[in-house]
Amino acid sequence: MIRDRCERARVPFFFKQWGGVRKRLTGRVLDGRTWDEMPIAPPTQSSRVLPVISG
């Protein structure tokens, strides 16, 4: 299962929901819990401080 591979590789796993026509009834629980792990976002370009070059 993909979740098991993520755990072994220490990669965050997010389980959105079961598919099919009864999504509300089947919900988001996988193996007795919800999986809401998210990767840490890298810094964005705008968060970097650029040097000022005077000429």
N, C-alpha and C. Protein backbone atom coordinates (compact mmCIF):
# COMPACT_ATOMS: atom_id res chain seq x y z
N MET A 1 0.84 -1.17 0.00
CA MET A 1 0.00 0.00 0.00
C MET A 1 0.90 1.24 0.00
N ILE A 2 0.47 2.27 -0.67
CA ILE A 2 1.25 3.51 -0.76
C ILE A 2 1.52 4.10 0.62
N ARG A 3 0.56 4.08 1.52
CA ARG A 3 0.77 4.64 2.85
C ARG A 3 1.93 3.94 3.55
N ASP A 4 2.02 2.64 3.44
CA ASP A 4 3.12 1.89 4.05
C ASP A 4 4.46 2.30 3.46
N ARG A 5 4.51 2.50 2.16
CA ARG A 5 5.75 2.92 1.51
C ARG A 5 6.16 4.32 1.97
N CYS A 6 5.18 5.20 2.13
CA CYS A 6 5.46 6.55 2.63
C CYS A 6 6.03 6.49 4.05
N GLU A 7 5.44 5.66 4.89
CA GLU A 7 5.93 5.55 6.27
C GLU A 7 7.37 5.04 6.29
N ARG A 8 7.66 4.02 5.49
CA ARG A 8 9.02 3.48 5.46
C ARG A 8 10.04 4.51 4.98
N ALA A 9 9.62 5.35 4.01
CA ALA A 9 10.52 6.35 3.45
C ALA A 9 10.47 7.67 4.22
N ARG A 10 9.67 7.70 5.29
CA ARG A 10 9.48 8.93 6.09
C ARG A 10 9.00 10.10 5.25
N VAL A 11 8.02 9.79 4.37
CA VAL A 11 7.39 10.80 3.52
C VAL A 11 5.98 11.04 4.06
N PRO A 12 5.57 12.31 4.23
CA PRO A 12 4.23 12.60 4.73
C PRO A 12 3.16 11.98 3.82
N PHE A 13 2.08 11.51 4.43
CA PHE A 13 0.98 10.87 3.69
C PHE A 13 -0.32 11.57 4.04
N PHE A 14 -1.09 11.96 3.02
CA PHE A 14 -2.39 12.59 3.20
C PHE A 14 -3.42 11.74 2.47
N PHE A 15 -4.43 11.25 3.21
CA PHE A 15 -5.49 10.45 2.60
C PHE A 15 -6.73 11.32 2.51
N LYS A 16 -7.12 11.69 1.30
CA LYS A 16 -8.25 12.60 1.12
C LYS A 16 -9.57 11.91 1.43
N GLN A 17 -9.89 10.84 0.73
CA GLN A 17 -11.13 10.10 0.98
C GLN A 17 -11.19 8.87 0.11
N TRP A 18 -12.07 7.96 0.49
CA TRP A 18 -12.34 6.80 -0.33
C TRP A 18 -13.12 7.25 -1.56
N GLY A 19 -12.94 6.59 -2.67
CA GLY A 19 -13.67 6.92 -3.89
C GLY A 19 -15.03 6.25 -3.92
N GLY A 20 -15.67 6.31 -5.05
CA GLY A 20 -16.96 5.67 -5.23
C GLY A 20 -18.12 6.63 -5.07
N VAL A 21 -19.33 6.06 -5.11
CA VAL A 21 -20.54 6.89 -5.06
C VAL A 21 -20.96 7.25 -3.64
N ARG A 22 -20.43 6.58 -2.63
CA ARG A 22 -20.84 6.85 -1.24
C ARG A 22 -19.70 7.47 -0.44
N LYS A 23 -19.11 8.51 -0.97
CA LYS A 23 -17.94 9.12 -0.34
C LYS A 23 -18.24 9.62 1.07
N ARG A 24 -19.42 10.17 1.28
CA ARG A 24 -19.77 10.67 2.62
C ARG A 24 -19.88 9.55 3.63
N LEU A 25 -20.35 8.41 3.20
CA LEU A 25 -20.50 7.28 4.13
C LEU A 25 -19.17 6.60 4.43
N THR A 26 -18.30 6.53 3.43
CA THR A 26 -17.03 5.84 3.63
C THR A 26 -15.99 6.74 4.26
N GLY A 27 -16.08 8.04 4.06
CA GLY A 27 -15.25 9.02 4.75
C GLY A 27 -13.77 8.98 4.45
N ARG A 28 -12.99 9.45 5.42
CA ARG A 28 -11.55 9.61 5.26
C ARG A 28 -10.73 8.67 6.14
N VAL A 29 -11.36 7.81 6.88
CA VAL A 29 -10.64 6.94 7.81
C VAL A 29 -9.98 5.79 7.04
N LEU A 30 -8.70 5.58 7.30
CA LEU A 30 -7.93 4.49 6.71
C LEU A 30 -7.21 3.78 7.84
N ASP A 31 -7.47 2.52 8.02
CA ASP A 31 -6.87 1.73 9.10
C ASP A 31 -7.07 2.37 10.47
N GLY A 32 -8.28 2.87 10.70
CA GLY A 32 -8.64 3.36 12.02
C GLY A 32 -8.25 4.79 12.35
N ARG A 33 -7.71 5.53 11.40
CA ARG A 33 -7.37 6.93 11.68
C ARG A 33 -7.40 7.76 10.41
N THR A 34 -7.41 9.07 10.57
CA THR A 34 -7.29 9.96 9.41
C THR A 34 -5.81 10.30 9.24
N TRP A 35 -5.41 10.47 8.01
CA TRP A 35 -4.01 10.76 7.68
C TRP A 35 -3.94 12.15 7.08
N ASP A 36 -3.47 13.11 7.88
CA ASP A 36 -3.43 14.51 7.47
C ASP A 36 -2.01 15.06 7.39
N GLU A 37 -1.05 14.19 7.19
CA GLU A 37 0.34 14.65 7.14
C GLU A 37 0.57 15.45 5.86
N MET A 38 1.33 16.52 5.99
CA MET A 38 1.65 17.36 4.83
C MET A 38 3.15 17.65 4.85
N PRO A 39 3.76 17.73 3.66
CA PRO A 39 5.18 18.08 3.61
C PRO A 39 5.38 19.53 4.02
N ILE A 40 6.57 19.84 4.47
CA ILE A 40 6.91 21.22 4.81
C ILE A 40 7.21 21.95 3.50
N ALA A 41 6.55 23.07 3.30
CA ALA A 41 6.72 23.83 2.06
C ALA A 41 8.08 24.52 2.06
N PRO A 42 8.77 24.46 0.92
CA PRO A 42 10.06 25.18 0.83
C PRO A 42 9.80 26.68 0.81
N PRO A 43 10.80 27.48 1.16
CA PRO A 43 10.61 28.93 1.11
C PRO A 43 10.30 29.39 -0.30
N THR A 44 9.48 30.42 -0.41
CA THR A 44 9.14 30.94 -1.73
C THR A 44 10.20 31.93 -2.19
N GLN A 45 10.19 32.24 -3.47
CA GLN A 45 11.14 33.20 -4.03
C GLN A 45 11.04 34.54 -3.32
N SER A 46 9.83 34.97 -3.00
CA SER A 46 9.65 36.29 -2.39
C SER A 46 10.17 36.36 -0.96
N SER A 47 10.41 35.23 -0.34
CA SER A 47 10.89 35.26 1.04
C SER A 47 12.41 35.40 1.12
N ARG A 48 13.10 35.30 0.00
CA ARG A 48 14.56 35.46 -0.01
C ARG A 48 14.93 36.93 -0.02
N VAL A 49 16.00 37.26 0.66
CA VAL A 49 16.51 38.62 0.66
C VAL A 49 17.61 38.71 -0.37
N LEU A 50 17.44 39.61 -1.31
CA LEU A 50 18.43 39.78 -2.39
C LEU A 50 19.33 40.96 -2.08
N PRO A 51 20.60 40.87 -2.42
CA PRO A 51 21.50 42.00 -2.17
C PRO A 51 21.17 43.20 -3.06
N VAL A 52 21.41 44.37 -2.53
CA VAL A 52 21.20 45.59 -3.32
C VAL A 52 22.53 45.95 -3.97
N ILE A 53 22.49 46.10 -5.28
CA ILE A 53 23.72 46.42 -6.03
C ILE A 53 23.64 47.89 -6.42
N SER A 54 24.58 48.65 -5.94
CA SER A 54 24.60 50.08 -6.32
C SER A 54 25.65 50.29 -7.40
N GLY A 55 25.40 51.19 -8.29
CA GLY A 55 26.30 51.35 -9.40
C GLY A 55 26.73 52.67 -9.62
